[in-house]
Protein backbone atom coordinates (compact mmCIF):
# COMPACT_ATOMS: atom_id res chain seq x y z
CA MET A 1 -0.02 0.06 0.11
CA LYS A 2 1.19 3.38 -1.01
CA SER A 3 0.44 6.29 1.48
CA ILE A 4 0.96 10.20 1.97
CA ASP A 5 0.86 12.38 4.95
CA GLY A 6 -1.38 15.31 5.44
CA ILE A 7 -4.64 14.00 3.88
CA GLY A 8 -7.70 13.21 6.01
CA LEU A 9 -11.33 12.97 6.11
CA ALA A 10 -11.76 16.65 6.12
CA ASP A 11 -9.95 16.93 2.80
CA VAL A 12 -12.38 14.47 1.22
CA THR A 13 -15.58 16.29 2.54
CA SER A 14 -14.09 19.56 1.42
CA ALA A 15 -13.48 18.14 -2.02
CA TYR A 16 -16.94 16.59 -2.55
CA GLY A 17 -18.73 19.54 -0.78
CA GLY A 18 -17.34 22.13 -3.10
CA PRO A 19 -16.25 22.92 -6.72
CA GLN A 20 -14.19 19.65 -7.05
CA GLY A 21 -17.22 17.63 -6.46
CA ASP A 22 -19.22 19.73 -8.97
CA LEU A 23 -16.42 18.95 -11.46
CA TYR A 24 -16.61 15.21 -10.82
CA GLU A 25 -20.28 15.15 -11.32
CA LEU A 26 -20.04 17.16 -14.57
CA LEU A 27 -17.58 14.58 -15.93
CA LEU A 28 -19.09 11.43 -14.25
CA GLY A 29 -22.67 12.15 -14.21
CA GLN A 30 -24.91 11.35 -11.18
CA GLN A 31 -23.46 7.94 -11.05
CA LEU A 32 -20.05 9.50 -9.87
CA HIS A 33 -17.93 6.39 -10.85
CA VAL A 34 -16.22 5.21 -13.97
CA GLY A 35 -18.40 3.23 -16.20
CA GLY A 36 -21.72 4.90 -15.08
CA MET A 37 -25.04 2.91 -14.94
CA ARG A 38 -23.83 0.14 -17.26
CA ALA A 39 -20.96 -0.61 -14.78
CA SER A 40 -23.38 -0.73 -11.79
CA VAL A 41 -25.71 -3.15 -13.53
CA ALA A 42 -22.73 -5.36 -14.69
CA LEU A 43 -21.36 -5.36 -11.04
CA ALA A 44 -24.82 -6.41 -9.71
CA GLU A 45 -25.37 -9.03 -12.31
CA ARG A 46 -21.93 -10.60 -11.57
CA ALA A 47 -22.69 -10.40 -7.83
CA GLY A 48 -26.25 -11.93 -8.16
CA ILE A 49 -27.89 -8.71 -6.73
CA GLY A 50 -31.39 -8.31 -7.83
CA THR A 51 -35.10 -8.53 -6.94
CA GLY A 52 -36.12 -8.21 -3.43
CA LEU A 53 -32.64 -7.74 -1.87
CA ARG A 54 -31.76 -5.01 0.75
CA GLY A 55 -28.57 -3.20 0.35
CA THR A 56 -26.21 -0.85 2.06
CA ASP A 57 -23.96 1.45 0.01
CA LEU A 58 -21.01 2.69 2.03
CA CYS A 59 -19.66 5.97 0.73
CA CYS A 60 -22.74 6.40 -1.44
CA GLY A 61 -22.12 9.87 -2.65
CA THR A 62 -25.47 11.37 -3.97
CA GLY A 63 -26.83 7.87 -4.33
CA GLY A 64 -26.71 7.40 -8.14
CA GLY A 65 -25.64 3.86 -7.69
CA MET A 66 -28.44 3.08 -5.42
CA ARG A 67 -31.03 4.58 -7.82
CA ALA A 68 -29.74 2.55 -10.52
CA LEU A 69 -30.04 -0.68 -8.48
CA LEU A 70 -33.64 0.25 -7.46
CA ARG A 71 -34.62 1.01 -11.05
CA PHE A 72 -32.63 -1.77 -13.03
CA ARG A 73 -32.18 -4.53 -10.62
CA ASN A 74 -35.32 -4.28 -8.62
CA VAL A 75 -33.68 -4.30 -5.24
CA ALA A 76 -36.10 -3.87 -2.41
CA SER A 77 -34.46 -1.09 -0.47
CA MET A 78 -31.21 0.77 -0.02
CA VAL A 79 -29.35 2.51 2.76
CA GLY A 80 -26.81 4.98 1.74
CA VAL A 81 -23.99 6.15 4.14
CA ASP A 82 -21.80 9.16 3.35
CA VAL A 83 -19.91 11.53 5.39
CA THR A 84 -20.44 14.68 3.14
CA LYS A 85 -23.63 16.32 4.03
CA ARG A 86 -24.02 17.99 0.72
CA ASN A 87 -23.94 14.65 -1.01
CA ILE A 88 -26.70 13.31 1.36
CA GLU A 89 -28.79 16.45 0.66
CA ARG A 90 -28.61 16.09 -2.96
CA GLY A 91 -29.21 12.33 -2.86
CA ARG A 92 -32.49 12.67 -0.84
CA GLN A 93 -33.85 15.41 -3.17
CA ARG A 94 -33.07 13.32 -6.18
CA CYS A 95 -34.67 10.27 -4.74
CA CYS A 96 -37.76 12.47 -3.89
CA GLU A 97 -37.82 13.73 -7.44
CA GLU A 98 -37.62 10.30 -8.85
CA GLY A 99 -40.27 8.82 -6.66
CA LEU A 100 -37.90 6.56 -4.96
CA ALA A 101 -37.66 8.25 -1.42
CA ASP A 102 -39.71 5.42 0.22
CA ARG A 103 -37.17 2.83 -0.71
CA VAL A 104 -34.01 4.61 0.27
CA ALA A 105 -32.61 5.87 3.51
CA PHE A 106 -29.49 8.06 3.91
CA VAL A 107 -27.21 8.36 6.86
CA VAL A 108 -24.65 10.99 7.31
CA ALA A 109 -21.75 8.99 8.86
CA ASP A 110 -18.22 7.67 8.61
CA ALA A 111 -18.33 4.47 6.49
CA CYS A 112 -16.02 2.88 9.01
CA ARG A 113 -18.52 3.38 11.88
CA SER A 114 -22.04 3.59 10.11
CA GLY A 115 -24.07 2.94 13.37
CA LEU A 116 -26.21 0.52 11.38
CA ALA A 117 -27.32 -2.84 12.71
CA ALA A 118 -25.13 -5.96 12.18
CA ALA A 119 -26.24 -8.40 9.54
CA SER A 120 -28.84 -5.78 8.39
CA ALA A 121 -27.99 -6.00 4.55
CA ASP A 122 -28.24 -8.85 1.98
CA PHE A 123 -25.42 -7.03 0.14
CA VAL A 124 -23.00 -4.17 0.75
CA TRP A 125 -22.13 -1.98 -2.12
CA GLY A 126 -19.40 0.53 -3.15
CA GLU A 127 -18.27 2.18 -6.46
CA ASP A 128 -14.96 3.84 -6.86
CA ALA A 129 -15.20 5.45 -3.35
CA TRP A 130 -13.39 3.32 -0.93
CA CYS A 131 -10.24 4.69 -2.09
CA TYR A 132 -11.04 7.84 -0.16
CA VAL A 133 -11.24 6.04 3.16
CA ALA A 134 -7.79 5.87 5.00
CA ASP A 135 -8.61 3.07 7.40
CA LYS A 136 -9.34 0.33 4.86
CA PRO A 137 -9.06 -2.64 7.42
CA THR A 138 -11.83 -0.98 9.46
CA LEU A 139 -13.99 -0.18 6.40
CA ILE A 140 -13.76 -3.85 5.06
CA ALA A 141 -14.50 -5.14 8.57
CA GLU A 142 -17.58 -2.84 8.74
CA ALA A 143 -18.77 -4.04 5.42
CA ALA A 144 -18.54 -7.72 6.65
CA ARG A 145 -20.25 -6.75 9.87
CA LEU A 146 -23.10 -5.26 8.05
CA VAL A 147 -23.80 -8.03 5.43
CA ARG A 148 -25.62 -11.23 6.70
CA PRO A 149 -24.16 -14.53 6.46
CA GLY A 150 -24.39 -15.68 2.94
CA GLY A 151 -24.74 -12.16 1.79
CA VAL A 152 -22.45 -10.39 -0.73
CA ILE A 153 -19.93 -7.56 -0.64
CA ALA A 154 -19.64 -5.99 -4.23
CA PHE A 155 -17.54 -2.91 -5.01
CA THR A 156 -15.04 -1.19 -7.45
CA ASP A 157 -12.29 0.81 -6.33
CA TRP A 158 -9.23 2.58 -7.75
CA VAL A 159 -6.23 0.67 -6.67
CA GLU A 160 -2.51 0.42 -7.61
CA GLY A 161 -2.05 -1.61 -10.70
CA PRO A 162 0.42 -4.56 -11.31
CA ALA A 163 2.96 -2.28 -12.92
CA GLY A 164 3.25 -0.51 -9.55
CA LEU A 165 3.73 3.31 -8.75
CA SER A 166 7.08 4.79 -8.02
CA ASP A 167 7.22 6.77 -4.82
CA LEU A 168 7.19 10.05 -6.60
CA GLU A 169 4.26 9.01 -8.89
CA ALA A 170 2.32 7.68 -5.75
CA GLN A 171 2.77 10.98 -3.85
CA GLN A 172 1.64 13.17 -6.87
CA CYS A 173 -1.34 10.72 -7.62
CA LEU A 174 -2.56 10.60 -3.98
CA ARG A 175 -2.32 14.40 -3.44
CA LEU A 176 -4.23 15.21 -6.74
CA MET A 177 -7.03 12.58 -5.75
CA SER A 178 -7.27 13.37 -1.91
CA PHE A 179 -6.40 9.88 -1.17
CA ALA A 180 -4.66 9.10 2.08
CA ASN A 181 -3.44 5.91 0.61
CA ILE A 182 -4.11 3.47 -2.18
CA GLU A 183 -4.56 -0.32 -1.80
CA ASP A 184 -3.63 -2.90 -4.32
CA SER A 185 -5.83 -5.69 -5.40
CA ALA A 186 -3.99 -8.31 -3.50
CA GLY A 187 -4.27 -6.09 -0.27
CA TYR A 188 -8.00 -5.84 -0.60
CA VAL A 189 -8.28 -9.66 -1.08
CA ARG A 190 -6.21 -10.15 2.21
CA LEU A 191 -8.50 -7.73 4.04
CA ILE A 192 -11.74 -9.33 2.68
CA SER A 193 -10.55 -12.87 3.55
CA LYS A 194 -9.58 -11.90 7.04
CA SER A 195 -12.96 -10.43 7.66
CA GLY A 196 -14.58 -13.81 7.25
CA CYS A 197 -15.62 -13.52 3.59
CA GLU A 198 -14.73 -15.60 0.59
CA VAL A 199 -13.41 -13.73 -2.41
CA GLN A 200 -15.18 -14.69 -5.69
CA ALA A 201 -13.72 -12.05 -7.86
CA ALA A 202 -10.70 -9.54 -7.83
CA GLU A 203 -10.10 -8.19 -11.42
CA ASP A 204 -9.13 -5.19 -13.52
CA THR A 205 -12.27 -3.82 -15.31
CA GLY A 206 -10.09 -2.26 -17.93
CA HIS A 207 -12.21 0.88 -17.99
CA LEU A 208 -9.84 3.47 -16.32
CA PRO A 209 -7.68 4.32 -19.31
CA GLN A 210 -10.78 4.76 -21.58
CA TRP A 211 -12.43 7.01 -19.08
CA PHE A 212 -9.42 9.38 -18.67
CA ASP A 213 -9.30 9.76 -22.50
CA LEU A 214 -13.10 10.44 -22.53
CA ALA A 215 -12.85 13.00 -19.75
CA LEU A 216 -10.12 14.88 -21.41
CA LYS A 217 -11.95 15.07 -24.69
CA MET A 218 -15.07 16.32 -22.90
CA ILE A 219 -12.91 18.95 -21.19
CA GLU A 220 -11.28 20.19 -24.30
CA THR A 221 -14.20 19.81 -26.85
CA GLN A 222 -17.54 20.10 -25.14
CA PHE A 223 -17.49 21.12 -21.42
CA THR A 224 -14.81 23.78 -21.50
CA TYR A 225 -17.12 26.57 -20.36
CA ASP A 226 -18.84 24.32 -17.81
CA VAL A 227 -15.48 23.34 -16.32
CA LEU A 228 -14.42 26.97 -16.16
CA ALA A 229 -17.62 27.78 -14.41
CA THR A 230 -16.80 25.45 -11.49
CA VAL A 231 -13.36 27.03 -11.03
CA GLY A 232 -14.35 30.76 -11.16
CA PHE A 233 -13.47 31.06 -14.82
CA ARG A 234 -9.70 30.82 -14.10
CA THR A 235 -8.13 29.56 -17.20
CA GLU A 236 -4.86 28.53 -15.39
CA VAL A 237 -6.94 26.15 -13.18
CA LEU A 238 -8.40 24.60 -16.34
CA ASN A 239 -5.10 24.02 -17.85
CA LEU A 240 -3.97 22.53 -14.53
CA ILE A 241 -7.05 20.15 -14.42
CA SER A 242 -6.08 19.02 -18.03
CA ASP A 243 -2.52 18.47 -17.08
CA ASN A 244 -3.54 16.52 -13.97
CA PHE A 245 -5.81 14.33 -15.93
CA ARG A 246 -3.16 13.65 -18.51
CA PHE A 247 -0.81 12.51 -15.77
CA LEU A 248 -3.36 10.25 -14.12
CA GLY A 249 -4.45 8.86 -17.65
CA ASP A 250 -0.81 7.96 -18.46
CA LEU A 251 -0.54 6.07 -15.13
CA SER A 252 -3.63 4.14 -16.11
CA CYS A 253 -2.47 3.39 -19.53
CA GLN A 254 0.87 2.04 -18.04
CA GLY A 255 -1.17 -0.15 -15.60
CA LYS A 256 0.09 1.74 -12.51
CA ILE A 257 -3.43 2.49 -11.29
CA ILE A 258 -6.60 0.54 -12.31
CA GLN A 259 -10.29 0.33 -11.49
CA ALA A 260 -10.64 -3.05 -9.91
CA ARG A 261 -13.78 -5.10 -9.29
CA PHE A 262 -14.31 -7.20 -6.15
CA ILE A 263 -17.07 -9.61 -5.13
CA ALA A 264 -17.04 -11.63 -1.86
CA ARG A 265 -19.59 -13.69 0.02
CA ARG A 266 -19.92 -13.54 3.76
CA ILE A 267 -19.19 -17.09 5.23
């Protein structure tokens, strides 16, 4: 695991509670993860998540993934946990607007200490968000605590790829993304196994390089004005965002950072 000093929970809530969060939603849409709705549905299909099941989404953002599961996998209900109040407020509003409020509950809490009842979920869910949690052993233990025996933990996350990050690359990447650390696939597998779950899938989705390419094209050809609006129309910040995305995109093309998919079953 690569890590960096000086980044904590306050940095994450500040990022998603301000202009950076607006930029991410502009480029990622309501789903706020690489691959969007199709990735959510594909993960649910792989994990056997569907009709009648009750789920908990740790680090749910504005709840886009939960809304996709309710609509397109017909899950019975979802509980979303997120530490950023603005995310929760937007999520509640959107669920009301879409007529889904009676099937979704939101909780403002640290995902490592959700306060929810043990074994209260048929599945625990996460999409490209657990990379923001510094204490990954406690997060995985919380996911295992929340899911019932026989239930499923299914998530995607940005992890260090097989090519590995140099120390300098890791420091720059983590600072840009407000990650206190970045796990690799083997590290997640160890944590999941220690939590009393059987790992069924741990694999590279292959989607991250394509997304960086798409994001850069959108910034430079379609959303230039929109991106500028999120940063107070400072062109130097726009140029810095593009440079940072090129750097991260190069890392993904080299297999140094990847989006990984994990599926595990609680024993």
